[in-house]
Protein backbone atom coordinates (compact mmCIF):
# COMPACT_ATOMS: atom_id res chain seq x y z
CA MET A 1 130.56 67.83 98.25
CA ASP A 2 129.30 70.12 100.54
CA SER A 3 127.23 72.67 98.70
CA SER A 4 129.49 75.71 100.07
CA ASP A 5 132.11 74.40 97.73
CA LEU A 6 130.07 75.42 95.03
CA LEU A 7 129.76 79.19 95.98
CA PRO A 8 131.85 82.08 95.40
CA VAL A 9 134.17 83.06 98.05
CA GLY A 10 132.01 85.88 99.30
CA ARG A 11 128.90 83.10 99.54
CA ARG A 12 131.41 81.12 101.73
CA VAL A 13 131.79 83.59 104.14
CA ALA A 14 128.23 84.11 104.46
CA TYR A 15 127.58 80.59 104.79
CA TRP A 16 130.09 79.66 107.41
CA ARG A 17 129.44 82.77 109.44
CA GLY A 18 125.85 81.13 109.43
CA ARG A 19 126.96 77.76 110.44
CA ARG A 20 129.04 79.68 113.31
CA LYS A 21 125.69 81.36 114.21
CA LEU A 22 127.52 85.42 114.26
CA SER A 23 125.47 88.39 112.74
CA GLN A 24 127.57 90.52 110.14
CA GLN A 25 127.77 92.83 113.08
CA MET A 26 129.50 89.88 115.17
CA LEU A 27 131.83 89.20 112.50
CA ALA A 28 132.90 92.61 111.40
CA ASP A 29 133.58 93.13 115.05
CA ARG A 30 136.26 89.90 115.18
CA LEU A 31 137.47 91.32 112.10
CA GLY A 32 138.07 94.76 113.21
CA LYS A 33 135.85 95.59 109.80
CA SER A 34 132.28 97.30 109.67
CA LYS A 35 129.40 95.56 109.23
CA SER A 36 129.00 97.35 105.52
CA TRP A 37 132.63 96.04 104.57
CA VAL A 38 131.13 92.26 105.76
CA ASP A 39 128.03 92.56 103.77
CA LYS A 40 130.08 93.50 100.71
CA VAL A 41 131.96 91.03 100.56
CA GLU A 42 129.11 88.54 101.11
CA ARG A 43 127.59 90.11 98.29
CA GLY A 44 130.77 89.73 96.19
CA VAL A 45 130.91 93.88 95.78
CA ARG A 46 134.21 93.64 97.61
CA SER A 47 137.08 91.10 96.76
CA LEU A 48 139.11 88.99 98.86
CA ASP A 49 142.44 89.45 96.97
CA LYS A 50 144.77 89.32 99.77
CA VAL A 51 146.22 86.43 101.35
CA SER A 52 146.59 87.85 104.86
CA THR A 53 142.83 89.30 104.84
CA LEU A 54 141.57 85.40 104.07
CA ARG A 55 143.42 83.95 106.80
CA GLU A 56 141.81 86.64 109.12
CA ILE A 57 138.34 85.87 108.52
CA ALA A 58 139.07 81.99 108.35
CA VAL A 59 140.31 82.18 111.80
CA ALA A 60 137.19 84.68 112.97
CA LEU A 61 135.14 81.93 111.40
CA ARG A 62 137.27 78.97 113.11
CA ILE A 63 137.94 77.23 109.60
CA ASP A 64 140.80 76.48 107.40
CA THR A 65 141.63 79.01 104.79
CA ALA A 66 141.72 76.15 102.39
CA VAL A 67 137.72 75.49 103.53
CA LEU A 68 137.11 79.32 102.93
CA LEU A 69 138.65 79.23 99.23
CA GLY A 70 136.76 75.86 98.49
CA ARG A 71 139.74 74.40 97.92
CA HIS A 72 138.53 70.89 99.35
CA THR A 73 135.66 69.60 101.05
CA GLU A 74 135.65 70.00 104.58
CA PRO A 75 136.76 66.56 105.88
CA VAL A 76 134.13 64.43 107.82
CA GLY A 77 134.16 65.32 111.88
CA VAL A 78 136.77 68.28 111.72
CA ALA A 79 133.56 71.28 112.02
CA GLU A 80 132.36 68.77 115.48
CA ARG A 81 136.14 68.76 116.46
CA VAL A 82 136.34 72.18 116.26
CA GLU A 83 133.65 72.66 117.82
CA GLY A 84 134.18 70.46 120.44
CA VAL A 85 137.77 72.28 121.12
CA GLU A 86 135.64 75.31 121.74
CA ARG A 87 133.66 74.41 124.31
CA ILE A 88 136.49 72.83 126.14
CA ARG A 89 138.12 76.07 125.70
CA ALA A 90 135.44 78.05 127.01
CA ALA A 91 135.27 75.51 130.20
CA LEU A 92 138.73 75.90 130.33
CA SER A 93 138.45 79.91 130.63
CA THR A 94 135.98 80.13 133.95
CA TYR A 95 137.79 81.79 136.84
CA GLU A 96 134.76 81.55 138.82
CA ILE A 97 136.14 80.06 141.60
CA ALA A 98 138.84 82.51 141.48
CA LEU A 99 136.47 85.37 141.56
CA GLY A 100 134.38 83.85 144.44
CA ARG A 101 131.43 82.73 142.01
CA PRO A 102 129.96 79.50 141.62
CA VAL A 103 130.83 77.04 138.66
CA GLY A 104 127.75 75.95 136.63
CA ARG A 105 124.72 74.91 138.27
CA GLY A 106 125.27 71.41 139.12
CA PRO A 107 125.73 69.91 142.53
CA VAL A 108 128.93 69.43 144.61
CA LEU A 109 129.91 65.89 143.80
CA PRO A 110 131.56 63.96 146.65
CA VAL A 111 135.28 63.23 146.34
CA GLU A 112 134.21 59.35 145.72
CA ALA A 113 132.16 60.18 142.98
CA LEU A 114 134.14 62.80 141.33
CA ALA A 115 137.13 59.97 141.16
CA GLY A 116 134.31 57.37 139.48
CA ALA A 117 133.82 60.22 136.58
CA VAL A 118 137.63 61.28 136.27
CA GLY A 119 138.27 57.28 135.95
CA HIS A 120 135.49 56.88 133.37
CA VAL A 121 137.00 59.91 131.08
CA TRP A 122 140.64 58.70 131.55
CA SER A 123 139.31 55.31 130.43
CA THR A 124 137.18 56.71 127.68
CA PHE A 125 140.32 58.37 126.14
CA GLN A 126 142.60 55.24 126.49
CA HIS A 127 140.07 53.20 124.50
CA ALA A 128 140.67 55.98 121.78
CA ARG A 129 136.80 57.18 121.89
CA TYR A 130 137.70 60.85 121.67
CA PRO A 131 134.27 62.16 120.55
CA GLN A 132 132.86 60.86 123.70
CA VAL A 133 135.69 62.27 125.74
CA VAL A 134 135.06 65.94 123.95
CA GLU A 135 131.57 65.46 125.10
CA LEU A 136 132.32 64.63 128.73
CA VAL A 137 135.23 66.65 129.73
CA PRO A 138 133.56 70.28 129.78
CA ARG A 139 131.26 69.03 132.77
CA LEU A 140 134.19 66.86 133.90
CA LEU A 141 136.20 70.24 134.37
CA ALA A 142 133.22 71.92 136.05
CA ASP A 143 132.76 69.26 138.48
CA ALA A 144 136.55 68.74 139.17
CA GLN A 145 136.54 72.70 140.02
CA ARG A 146 133.66 72.72 142.18
CA THR A 147 134.57 69.63 144.55
CA HIS A 148 137.99 71.25 144.79
CA ALA A 149 136.40 74.31 146.05
CA HIS A 150 134.50 72.81 148.67
CA GLU A 151 137.47 69.82 149.38
CA PRO A 152 140.78 71.62 148.71
CA GLY A 153 142.58 68.89 150.63
CA THR A 154 141.04 65.71 148.76
CA GLY A 155 140.07 67.38 145.82
CA ARG A 156 143.29 68.94 144.23
CA ALA A 157 144.31 65.47 142.65
CA LEU A 158 141.31 64.59 140.88
CA LEU A 159 141.38 68.36 139.61
CA VAL A 160 144.93 67.79 138.13
CA GLU A 161 143.59 64.61 136.87
CA ALA A 162 141.02 66.32 135.15
CA TYR A 163 143.44 69.05 133.42
CA ARG A 164 145.90 66.06 132.78
CA VAL A 165 143.15 64.08 130.43
CA THR A 166 141.69 67.25 128.96
CA ALA A 167 145.59 68.29 128.05
CA SER A 168 146.13 64.38 126.57
CA LEU A 169 142.82 64.70 124.27
CA LEU A 170 143.49 68.51 122.98
CA THR A 171 147.07 67.13 121.99
CA LYS A 172 145.32 64.26 120.40
CA LEU A 173 143.29 66.68 118.43
CA GLY A 174 145.91 69.30 117.31
CA ALA A 175 144.52 71.95 119.56
CA VAL A 176 148.02 72.36 121.28
CA ASP A 177 147.46 76.14 122.37
CA VAL A 178 144.65 75.18 124.03
CA ALA A 179 146.31 71.91 125.70
CA TRP A 180 149.00 74.55 126.93
CA LEU A 181 146.41 76.03 128.90
CA ALA A 182 145.05 72.74 130.30
CA VAL A 183 148.32 71.41 131.53
CA ASP A 184 149.43 74.86 133.03
CA ARG A 185 145.99 74.63 134.78
CA ALA A 186 147.26 71.10 135.91
CA MET A 187 151.03 72.68 137.12
CA ILE A 188 149.59 75.11 139.04
CA ALA A 189 147.01 72.91 140.78
CA ALA A 190 149.88 70.30 141.40
CA THR A 191 152.27 72.53 142.96
CA GLY A 192 153.40 71.47 146.27
CA ASP A 193 153.14 67.82 145.56
CA ARG A 194 156.31 66.39 144.05
CA LEU A 195 154.13 63.39 142.84
CA ALA A 196 151.35 65.50 141.14
CA VAL A 197 153.51 67.81 139.41
CA ALA A 198 155.43 64.97 137.90
CA ALA A 199 152.30 63.53 136.71
CA ALA A 200 151.57 66.82 135.22
CA ALA A 201 154.46 66.92 133.58
CA VAL A 202 153.94 64.07 131.63
CA GLN A 203 151.09 65.93 129.82
CA LEU A 204 153.43 68.82 129.46
CA GLY A 205 156.27 67.10 127.56
CA PRO A 206 154.08 66.18 124.62
CA VAL A 207 152.83 69.99 124.40
CA LEU A 208 156.32 71.41 124.45
CA ARG A 209 157.14 69.13 121.68
CA GLU A 210 154.41 69.82 119.42
CA SER A 211 154.81 73.30 120.32
CA GLY A 212 158.22 73.30 118.71
CA ARG A 213 160.22 73.65 122.04
CA ALA A 214 161.64 70.23 122.15
CA ARG A 215 164.91 71.79 124.11
CA LEU A 216 162.99 73.34 126.77
CA ALA A 217 160.90 69.88 127.00
CA THR A 218 163.96 67.67 127.87
CA SER A 219 165.39 69.99 130.19
CA ALA A 220 161.56 70.31 131.59
CA MET A 221 160.91 66.75 131.85
CA LEU A 222 164.62 65.97 133.14
CA ALA A 223 163.81 67.88 136.16
CA ALA A 224 160.66 66.80 136.68
CA ALA A 225 162.03 62.81 136.52
CA TYR A 226 165.18 63.44 138.95
CA ARG A 227 162.59 65.35 141.49
CA ILE A 228 161.06 62.33 141.93
CA ALA A 229 163.94 59.72 141.06
CA PRO A 230 164.60 57.16 144.08
CA PRO A 231 168.15 57.45 144.97
CA VAL A 232 168.39 53.47 144.08
CA ILE A 233 166.07 51.97 141.63
CA GLU A 234 165.10 48.88 143.86
CA ASP A 235 163.91 51.33 146.69
CA GLY A 236 161.25 53.13 144.32
CA SER A 237 157.82 52.23 144.56
CA LEU A 238 156.62 51.34 141.24
CA PRO A 239 153.99 54.20 141.03
CA GLU A 240 156.78 56.40 141.50
CA LEU A 241 159.24 54.56 139.52
CA SER A 242 156.21 54.46 136.15
CA LEU A 243 156.08 58.45 136.37
CA CYS A 244 160.05 58.71 136.82
CA GLY A 245 160.38 56.89 133.89
CA THR A 246 157.80 58.26 131.80
CA LEU A 247 159.09 61.50 132.12
CA LEU A 248 162.71 60.47 130.81
CA VAL A 249 160.94 59.16 127.74
CA GLN A 250 159.59 62.19 127.42
CA ALA A 251 162.82 63.70 127.82
CA ALA A 252 164.22 61.37 125.27
CA LEU A 253 161.68 62.10 122.97
CA ALA A 254 162.30 65.54 122.89
CA ALA A 255 165.98 65.21 122.55
CA ALA A 256 165.46 63.28 119.50
CA ARG A 257 163.45 65.75 118.03
CA HIS A 258 166.30 68.37 118.12
CA GLY A 259 168.69 65.71 116.71
CA ASP A 260 170.89 64.80 120.16
CA ASP A 261 170.91 60.81 119.91
CA ARG A 262 173.09 60.45 122.52
CA THR A 263 171.05 62.13 125.01
CA ALA A 264 168.22 60.25 123.75
CA THR A 265 169.76 56.72 123.63
CA LYS A 266 171.25 57.91 127.02
CA LEU A 267 167.69 58.20 128.79
CA LEU A 268 166.05 55.44 127.32
CA ASP A 269 168.60 53.13 128.72
CA GLU A 270 168.07 54.92 132.05
CA ALA A 271 164.18 54.52 131.50
CA ALA A 272 164.25 50.66 130.42
CA GLU A 273 166.28 49.92 133.88
CA MET A 274 162.91 51.45 135.75
CA ALA A 275 160.72 49.76 133.25
CA ALA A 276 162.01 46.20 134.13
CA ARG A 277 161.43 46.76 137.90
CA VAL A 278 157.96 47.83 136.95
CA GLY A 279 157.19 45.10 134.48
CA GLU A 280 154.41 44.68 131.93
CA GLY A 281 150.34 45.34 132.25
CA HIS A 282 150.45 48.09 134.61
CA ASP A 283 149.17 51.35 133.96
CA HIS A 284 150.36 53.15 137.35
CA HIS A 285 149.35 57.58 137.05
CA ARG A 286 147.96 56.87 133.75
CA THR A 287 151.26 56.01 132.17
CA GLY A 288 151.24 52.65 130.50
CA PHE A 289 154.66 52.47 131.60
CA GLY A 290 156.65 49.32 131.24
CA PRO A 291 159.78 47.75 128.98
CA THR A 292 157.07 48.09 126.07
CA ALA A 293 156.36 50.98 126.22
CA VAL A 294 160.14 51.96 126.36
CA GLU A 295 160.82 49.82 123.60
CA LEU A 296 158.07 52.09 121.63
CA ALA A 297 159.88 55.25 122.38
CA ARG A 298 162.68 53.81 121.18
CA ILE A 299 161.74 52.84 117.91
CA THR A 300 160.13 56.45 117.25
CA THR A 301 163.02 58.02 118.62
CA THR A 302 165.04 56.11 116.06
CA ALA A 303 162.66 56.62 113.33
CA GLU A 304 163.33 60.83 114.21
CA LEU A 305 166.89 59.99 114.32
CA GLY A 306 166.88 58.88 110.61
CA GLU A 307 167.25 55.28 111.05
CA THR A 308 163.86 54.45 109.47
CA ARG A 309 164.94 50.56 108.39
CA GLN A 310 166.10 50.08 111.86
CA ALA A 311 162.67 51.48 113.31
CA ILE A 312 160.83 49.18 111.18
CA VAL A 313 162.36 45.80 112.25
CA ARG A 314 162.14 47.04 115.90
CA HIS A 315 158.30 47.58 115.53
CA GLU A 316 157.45 44.52 113.69
CA GLN A 317 159.30 42.55 116.71
CA VAL A 318 157.66 44.70 119.24
CA THR A 319 154.22 44.07 117.85
CA THR A 320 153.89 40.69 118.45
CA GLY A 321 154.82 40.52 122.10
CA ASP A 322 152.06 40.07 125.02
CA GLY A 323 153.27 43.61 126.55
CA TRP A 324 151.97 45.38 123.15
CA ARG A 325 148.29 43.64 123.95
CA TRP A 326 148.38 44.89 127.30
CA LEU A 327 149.21 48.59 126.23
CA PRO A 328 146.04 51.35 126.07
CA THR A 329 144.46 51.13 122.83
CA GLU A 330 145.22 54.72 122.16
CA HIS A 331 148.79 54.23 123.10
CA ARG A 332 148.96 50.87 120.66
CA ALA A 333 146.96 53.21 117.68
CA ALA A 334 149.27 55.96 118.15
CA HIS A 335 152.66 53.98 117.43
CA LEU A 336 150.71 52.03 114.54
CA ILE A 337 150.41 55.57 112.96
CA ASP A 338 154.13 56.39 113.79
CA ALA A 339 155.14 53.16 112.40
CA ALA A 340 152.67 54.26 108.91
CA ARG A 341 154.85 57.39 108.68
CA ALA A 342 158.36 54.90 108.99
CA TYR A 343 156.96 52.53 106.43
CA LEU A 344 156.50 55.74 104.08
CA HIS A 345 159.74 57.16 104.87
CA ALA A 346 161.19 53.67 103.52
CA ASP A 347 158.84 53.92 100.34
CA ASP A 348 156.69 50.85 101.31
CA PRO A 349 153.16 52.10 101.62
CA VAL A 350 151.39 48.74 101.07
CA ASN A 351 152.75 47.63 104.84
CA ALA A 352 152.35 51.49 105.94
CA GLY A 353 148.49 51.09 104.76
CA ARG A 354 148.25 47.40 106.91
CA ALA A 355 149.20 49.90 110.03
CA LEU A 356 146.36 52.31 109.15
CA THR A 357 143.89 49.17 108.63
CA ALA A 358 144.93 47.92 112.18
CA VAL A 359 144.46 51.60 113.52
CA ASP A 360 140.93 51.69 111.99
CA ARG A 361 140.17 48.51 113.17
CA ILE A 362 141.13 48.78 116.93
CA ALA A 363 140.76 53.03 117.26
CA PRO A 364 139.10 54.47 114.43
CA ALA A 365 138.96 57.80 115.73
CA GLU A 366 142.67 57.99 115.44
CA LEU A 367 142.26 58.33 111.80
CA ARG A 368 138.67 60.25 111.78
CA HIS A 369 139.40 62.82 114.46
CA ARG A 370 143.11 63.16 115.10
CA PRO A 371 144.94 65.50 112.44
CA ALA A 372 148.02 63.60 112.39
CA GLY A 373 146.35 60.59 111.66
CA ARG A 374 144.38 62.07 108.69
CA ASP A 375 147.58 62.91 107.29
CA VAL A 376 149.68 59.97 107.37
CA LEU A 377 146.13 58.42 105.76
CA LEU A 378 146.13 60.80 102.83
CA ARG A 379 149.64 60.39 101.96
CA VAL A 380 149.34 56.51 102.03
CA ALA A 381 146.16 56.98 100.08
CA ARG A 382 147.69 59.27 97.26
CA ASP A 383 150.02 56.13 96.25
CA PRO A 384 148.95 54.17 93.45
CA ARG A 385 150.33 50.95 95.65
CA ALA A 386 148.32 51.58 98.26
CA PRO A 387 145.51 49.35 99.46
CA THR A 388 142.08 49.59 98.12
CA THR A 389 140.76 49.95 101.10
CA LEU A 390 142.77 53.13 102.08
CA THR A 391 141.89 54.99 99.54
CA ASP A 392 138.12 54.67 99.93
CA LEU A 393 138.36 55.38 103.67
CA ALA A 394 140.25 58.50 102.74
CA ALA A 395 137.51 59.19 100.31
CA THR A 396 134.82 58.60 102.99
CA LEU A 397 136.48 60.95 105.71
CA GLY A 398 136.97 63.55 102.69
CA THR A 399 140.43 63.64 102.98
CA GLY A 400 141.22 61.98 99.48
């Protein structure tokens, strides 16, 4: 247990203010209060009896309100994730190039070197090593911005890729508002290049969905997909078909989110035709697109539309094929978390636990650093029928 959990709420405010390296005056300024007000709160002279005030303080301190109230111990890794997201937010909030000022003090990387750095960060993300990606992204953004400023032609595609991987990471970490900033930067940087716009739109879909804008996500994904769709599938290049098919998948996921099963099915059927042409084992434009990727999306939409049993049957079939093993680790782990959720809906915590155990084996950061993964883990661990190993993991992570 964190020692702060034993403190009165005022002392917890002081504790977290110290952790965030804020003076009483700095916290007061963030809250629009006086330094004296903060001092009285921390000494317990002034009580905090309004939920709205507690929420404002929690936001200012970048913690959950429940942590401020001492209702649970801050889970392992949460503070580090929050601080990492704040560093990325700061990197995205610079406008030095637009204002004619240099970005940081580092040298301008040659395009070839930047391409290697972008590839390394993408590979690290696809292996689900999120803490390492958090550390790499701020430097990557600065490098990509500097190179683009000096080589606007050849550097633009790499800048778009830097923003894309940043948006993917932030969406994974549950920081959708910051992810939106990153994907917006990607879309702006890509403007004028239809393939670059399509690639950036791949990250826009999840951001819109997770922001509660599923209908907008459907229309945006379709517009991006049909802009690059070849008149005849056989005439399209494999990278082009991978982008177009992935965008159709994103549109289908969004359609399922707002209950349009007919559109979701139609779009997945269309994507499946493209996937058959692309084949398995490819990763054009970092999409992992192929027949198995489309089938996983079909499973997700089936579960989203309430056909849980059917989704489970399809899941158990697809995860035995070669195409499953060829997908990036991050893709497989994310699907297993969705599968665990489906098993829970089917009142099967044992198989839900097995799915999460597999996640912990291949991509432990999905449970340790991804809020959606931790949420499913907590729900599984609370069931008395769940595997003991999952209960122990939840306790270790501070979610149980």
